[in-house]
Amino acid sequence: MSTAIASSLDKALSLLFAFADPEEDQRVLTVSGLAERSGMDKAQVSRSLATFAKYGLVERLGPRRGYQLGWAVVHMASRALLAQTISSTYPRLAQLAAEIEETVYISVRDGSQQRALAVFEPDRMLYVQIRTGRPEPLIGTASGYGLLVRSDEQEVRAVYDSIARRDRAQVGSWSTVWRQLREIAEQGYAVVTDPGGEHVTSAAVPIFDVGNYADRVYATVAVSAPEGRFEAQRELIIKGLQGIAGHANDFLQGQQDPRG
């Protein structure tokens, strides 16, 4: 990037950050006011604000009323908060993996699939392997059901149909899937034993989104273990996952620091 381009970008971004200046009482700023404080000419300021408005970073209130921050900034701030919250759960996930000596992971939705963002494996010879970033189905898995727990029937049916078209035996009947999902929503967590004969049981607890997306699930924290070992410490596993998810949910709602 040339020095001239970098300088222009720096000046343009300074305009955006002016709206968040803690010493600035006004939340609506004019082209003239921004030009004065930045040292840029009015034409430069107008062009920069027009570009920001195009992407929703600022909103023009009228020909002479000036600009205010746009909803895109709120959206990005919400995503940043969620990303920080998710990463802050990693030490707790690692601690739970060491405590129960089973595989612990955190997953997010990717369309009609899910992907594990981070996996914490136990220090033992035999354990369930979960691959980071590998696409997995939402239907028929504990973490998948956790991610769908606040989705409406139409959305879940669309996900179900996309999988059933490829392999109906994998997902079972629609009525069974929808009934299971309603039961999971009521109890607040999902427990699913692999129907494929591998005798793996998984549990998952959702982390709920915030702000304009408060009716959605942002991620799930989960444990997968051989069925017998899972049942031997079922209560401890579910309680541990609920503690991690609850801590993250409280932080997202502004109640506490996720590292505490």
Protein backbone atom coordinates (compact mmCIF):
# COMPACT_ATOMS: atom_id res chain seq x y z
CA MET A 1 0.00 0.00 0.00
CA SER A 2 1.46 3.38 -0.99
CA THR A 3 2.10 6.10 1.57
CA ALA A 4 -0.52 8.34 -0.07
CA ILE A 5 -3.23 5.66 0.08
CA ALA A 6 -2.37 4.82 3.69
CA SER A 7 -2.55 8.49 4.61
CA SER A 8 -5.95 8.91 2.92
CA LEU A 9 -7.29 5.82 4.68
CA ASP A 10 -5.99 7.06 8.01
CA LYS A 11 -7.74 10.40 7.55
CA ALA A 12 -10.99 8.76 6.49
CA LEU A 13 -10.99 6.43 9.50
CA SER A 14 -10.32 9.38 11.80
CA LEU A 15 -13.68 10.77 10.66
CA LEU A 16 -15.43 7.56 11.66
CA PHE A 17 -13.78 7.45 15.05
CA ALA A 18 -14.78 11.06 15.69
CA PHE A 19 -18.34 9.81 16.25
CA ALA A 20 -17.10 7.66 19.15
CA ASP A 21 -14.90 10.31 20.76
CA PRO A 22 -15.73 10.21 24.51
CA GLU A 23 -15.04 13.95 24.71
CA GLU A 24 -17.53 14.68 21.93
CA ASP A 25 -20.96 15.50 23.35
CA GLN A 26 -22.72 15.53 20.00
CA ARG A 27 -23.65 12.26 18.37
CA VAL A 28 -24.67 14.00 15.12
CA LEU A 29 -21.74 15.60 13.30
CA THR A 30 -21.78 17.84 10.24
CA VAL A 31 -19.44 17.92 7.26
CA SER A 32 -18.22 21.37 8.33
CA GLY A 33 -17.56 20.25 11.89
CA LEU A 34 -15.67 17.14 10.80
CA ALA A 35 -13.64 19.12 8.28
CA GLU A 36 -12.64 21.58 10.97
CA ARG A 37 -11.52 18.98 13.50
CA SER A 38 -9.74 16.75 10.95
CA GLY A 39 -8.05 19.39 8.86
CA MET A 40 -9.53 17.88 5.69
CA ASP A 41 -11.43 19.92 3.14
CA LYS A 42 -15.19 19.59 2.96
CA ALA A 43 -15.11 17.74 -0.37
CA GLN A 44 -12.86 15.03 1.09
CA VAL A 45 -15.07 14.71 4.13
CA SER A 46 -18.23 14.45 2.00
CA ARG A 47 -16.71 11.73 -0.19
CA SER A 48 -15.55 9.72 2.82
CA LEU A 49 -18.93 9.99 4.54
CA ALA A 50 -20.71 8.99 1.34
CA THR A 51 -18.59 5.83 1.19
CA PHE A 52 -19.23 5.06 4.86
CA ALA A 53 -22.97 5.59 4.31
CA LYS A 54 -22.90 3.17 1.37
CA TYR A 55 -21.78 0.40 3.73
CA GLY A 56 -24.04 1.43 6.59
CA LEU A 57 -21.25 2.72 8.82
CA VAL A 58 -22.85 6.15 9.06
CA GLU A 59 -26.34 7.44 8.35
CA ARG A 60 -27.17 10.79 6.81
CA LEU A 61 -30.02 12.46 8.66
CA GLY A 62 -30.82 15.15 6.10
CA PRO A 63 -29.23 17.79 3.85
CA ARG A 64 -28.33 20.05 6.78
CA ARG A 65 -28.66 17.86 9.85
CA GLY A 66 -25.41 15.92 9.50
CA TYR A 67 -24.47 12.27 10.10
CA GLN A 68 -24.65 9.74 12.89
CA LEU A 69 -23.23 6.21 13.29
CA GLY A 70 -25.09 3.58 11.25
CA TRP A 71 -26.41 0.15 12.17
CA ALA A 72 -23.47 -1.61 10.51
CA VAL A 73 -21.27 -0.34 13.35
CA VAL A 74 -23.67 -1.80 15.90
CA HIS A 75 -23.65 -5.10 14.02
CA MET A 76 -19.84 -5.23 13.91
CA ALA A 77 -19.59 -4.34 17.59
CA SER A 78 -22.01 -7.16 18.41
CA ARG A 79 -19.96 -9.63 16.36
CA ALA A 80 -16.74 -8.48 18.02
CA LEU A 81 -18.25 -8.93 21.47
CA LEU A 82 -19.39 -12.43 20.58
CA ALA A 83 -15.99 -13.37 19.14
CA GLN A 84 -14.24 -12.18 22.31
CA THR A 85 -16.72 -14.08 24.45
CA ILE A 86 -16.22 -17.30 22.48
CA SER A 87 -12.42 -17.11 22.72
CA SER A 88 -12.71 -16.36 26.43
CA THR A 89 -14.43 -19.73 26.96
CA TYR A 90 -11.38 -21.66 25.73
CA PRO A 91 -9.62 -21.92 29.13
CA ARG A 92 -12.83 -23.20 30.70
CA LEU A 93 -13.34 -25.72 27.90
CA ALA A 94 -9.76 -26.95 28.33
CA GLN A 95 -10.29 -27.21 32.09
CA LEU A 96 -13.47 -29.28 31.61
CA ALA A 97 -11.69 -31.60 29.14
CA ALA A 98 -8.97 -32.23 31.71
CA GLU A 99 -11.50 -32.74 34.51
CA ILE A 100 -13.74 -35.27 32.75
CA GLU A 101 -11.00 -36.66 30.46
CA GLU A 102 -13.21 -36.45 27.37
CA THR A 103 -13.37 -34.35 24.20
CA VAL A 104 -14.79 -30.85 24.67
CA TYR A 105 -15.48 -28.41 21.83
CA ILE A 106 -17.32 -25.30 20.72
CA SER A 107 -19.27 -25.18 17.44
CA VAL A 108 -21.03 -22.60 15.29
CA ARG A 109 -23.57 -22.89 12.52
CA ASP A 110 -22.56 -22.64 8.87
CA GLY A 111 -25.76 -22.71 6.81
CA SER A 112 -27.27 -26.18 7.04
CA GLN A 113 -24.10 -27.50 8.67
CA GLN A 114 -21.94 -26.83 11.72
CA ARG A 115 -18.21 -26.53 12.32
CA ALA A 116 -16.13 -26.91 15.46
CA LEU A 117 -14.16 -23.73 16.16
CA ALA A 118 -11.92 -25.23 18.81
CA VAL A 119 -11.47 -28.76 20.17
CA PHE A 120 -9.89 -29.75 23.50
CA GLU A 121 -8.83 -33.39 23.70
CA PRO A 122 -8.14 -35.41 26.85
CA ASP A 123 -4.76 -36.85 27.77
CA ARG A 124 -5.71 -40.49 27.26
CA MET A 125 -5.25 -43.14 24.59
CA LEU A 126 -8.87 -43.63 23.52
CA TYR A 127 -11.19 -40.68 23.01
CA VAL A 128 -13.69 -39.28 20.48
CA GLN A 129 -11.98 -37.26 17.76
CA ILE A 130 -13.68 -34.06 16.58
CA ARG A 131 -12.02 -32.22 13.70
CA THR A 132 -11.76 -28.46 13.83
CA GLY A 133 -13.43 -26.77 10.84
CA ARG A 134 -14.89 -29.96 9.41
CA PRO A 135 -18.53 -29.57 8.25
CA GLU A 136 -20.97 -31.75 10.17
CA PRO A 137 -24.76 -32.07 9.92
CA LEU A 138 -27.07 -30.08 12.17
CA ILE A 139 -29.71 -32.80 12.30
CA GLY A 140 -28.97 -35.86 14.44
CA THR A 141 -26.14 -34.37 16.51
CA ALA A 142 -26.25 -32.80 19.96
CA SER A 143 -24.34 -29.67 18.97
CA GLY A 144 -26.46 -29.35 15.82
CA TYR A 145 -29.70 -29.59 17.75
CA GLY A 146 -28.34 -27.04 20.22
CA LEU A 147 -27.68 -24.62 17.35
CA LEU A 148 -31.22 -25.11 16.03
CA VAL A 149 -33.01 -24.92 19.35
CA ARG A 150 -34.47 -21.43 18.75
CA SER A 151 -35.14 -21.85 15.03
CA ASP A 152 -38.77 -21.99 13.91
CA GLU A 153 -40.36 -25.04 12.33
CA GLN A 154 -40.03 -23.75 8.78
CA GLU A 155 -36.29 -23.14 9.14
CA VAL A 156 -35.63 -26.50 10.77
CA ARG A 157 -37.68 -28.25 8.09
CA ALA A 158 -35.57 -26.61 5.37
CA VAL A 159 -32.40 -27.91 7.04
CA TYR A 160 -33.97 -31.35 7.47
CA ASP A 161 -35.02 -31.53 3.82
CA SER A 162 -31.57 -30.53 2.58
CA ILE A 163 -30.07 -33.51 4.44
CA ALA A 164 -32.93 -35.94 3.77
CA ARG A 165 -32.59 -35.44 0.01
CA ARG A 166 -29.09 -36.90 0.23
CA ASP A 167 -29.61 -39.53 2.91
CA ARG A 168 -33.01 -39.90 4.60
CA ALA A 169 -31.77 -42.82 6.71
CA GLN A 170 -29.27 -40.47 8.33
CA VAL A 171 -31.91 -38.11 9.76
CA GLY A 172 -34.94 -40.35 10.40
CA SER A 173 -38.51 -39.06 10.25
CA TRP A 174 -39.38 -35.37 10.38
CA SER A 175 -41.87 -35.85 13.23
CA THR A 176 -39.20 -37.49 15.39
CA VAL A 177 -36.67 -34.74 14.67
CA TRP A 178 -39.12 -31.94 15.48
CA ARG A 179 -40.29 -33.67 18.68
CA GLN A 180 -36.70 -34.13 19.84
CA LEU A 181 -35.90 -30.50 19.15
CA ARG A 182 -38.90 -29.28 21.18
CA GLU A 183 -37.86 -31.50 24.09
CA ILE A 184 -34.31 -30.15 23.91
CA ALA A 185 -35.60 -26.57 23.89
CA GLU A 186 -37.62 -27.28 27.03
CA GLN A 187 -34.78 -28.88 29.02
CA GLY A 188 -32.08 -26.46 27.82
CA TYR A 189 -29.53 -28.97 26.57
CA ALA A 190 -29.20 -31.79 24.05
CA VAL A 191 -27.97 -35.36 24.58
CA VAL A 192 -27.68 -37.61 21.54
CA THR A 193 -26.21 -41.11 21.14
CA ASP A 194 -24.78 -41.80 17.70
CA PRO A 195 -27.30 -43.95 15.81
CA GLY A 196 -24.51 -45.27 13.56
CA GLY A 197 -23.45 -47.97 15.99
CA GLU A 198 -20.24 -46.29 17.21
CA HIS A 199 -21.72 -45.95 20.72
CA VAL A 200 -20.71 -42.31 21.10
CA THR A 201 -22.86 -40.00 23.23
CA SER A 202 -22.67 -36.22 23.00
CA ALA A 203 -24.14 -33.39 25.04
CA ALA A 204 -24.41 -29.73 24.02
CA VAL A 205 -25.58 -26.49 25.62
CA PRO A 206 -26.30 -23.32 23.59
CA ILE A 207 -24.78 -19.87 23.94
CA PHE A 208 -27.43 -17.33 22.96
CA ASP A 209 -26.85 -14.33 20.71
CA VAL A 210 -27.47 -10.74 21.83
CA GLY A 211 -28.99 -7.47 20.65
CA ASN A 212 -31.00 -7.70 17.44
CA TYR A 213 -30.15 -11.42 17.28
CA ALA A 214 -31.23 -12.35 20.79
CA ASP A 215 -33.67 -14.97 19.48
CA ARG A 216 -30.83 -16.95 17.91
CA VAL A 217 -28.13 -19.32 19.13
CA TYR A 218 -24.61 -18.14 18.42
CA ALA A 219 -22.66 -21.28 19.41
CA THR A 220 -22.83 -24.49 21.42
CA VAL A 221 -20.37 -25.97 23.89
CA ALA A 222 -20.32 -29.75 23.76
CA VAL A 223 -18.76 -32.99 24.98
CA SER A 224 -18.46 -36.26 23.06
CA ALA A 225 -17.46 -39.50 24.74
CA PRO A 226 -17.88 -43.28 24.48
CA GLU A 227 -21.39 -44.07 25.64
CA GLY A 228 -20.42 -45.97 28.78
CA ARG A 229 -17.95 -43.32 29.97
CA PHE A 230 -20.43 -40.56 29.21
CA GLU A 231 -23.19 -42.15 31.28
CA ALA A 232 -20.79 -42.68 34.20
CA GLN A 233 -20.36 -38.91 34.55
CA ARG A 234 -23.41 -37.61 32.72
CA GLU A 235 -24.43 -35.18 35.47
CA LEU A 236 -20.92 -33.73 35.75
CA ILE A 237 -20.67 -33.24 31.98
CA ILE A 238 -23.99 -31.44 31.64
CA LYS A 239 -23.36 -29.29 34.72
CA GLY A 240 -19.92 -28.34 33.39
CA LEU A 241 -21.27 -27.34 29.98
CA GLN A 242 -24.11 -25.36 31.54
CA GLY A 243 -21.61 -23.48 33.68
CA ILE A 244 -19.49 -22.49 30.68
CA ALA A 245 -22.48 -21.48 28.55
CA GLY A 246 -24.12 -19.64 31.42
CA HIS A 247 -20.95 -17.67 32.11
CA ALA A 248 -20.72 -16.65 28.45
CA ASN A 249 -24.41 -15.73 28.30
CA ASP A 250 -24.11 -13.58 31.43
CA PHE A 251 -21.14 -11.72 29.97
CA LEU A 252 -22.94 -11.08 26.69
CA GLN A 253 -25.80 -9.59 28.66
CA GLY A 254 -23.34 -7.31 30.49
CA GLN A 255 -23.41 -9.08 33.84
CA GLN A 256 -19.82 -10.28 34.26
CA ASP A 257 -16.34 -10.75 32.86
CA PRO A 258 -16.05 -14.11 31.03
CA ARG A 259 -12.52 -14.62 32.36
CA GLY A 260 -13.60 -14.42 35.99
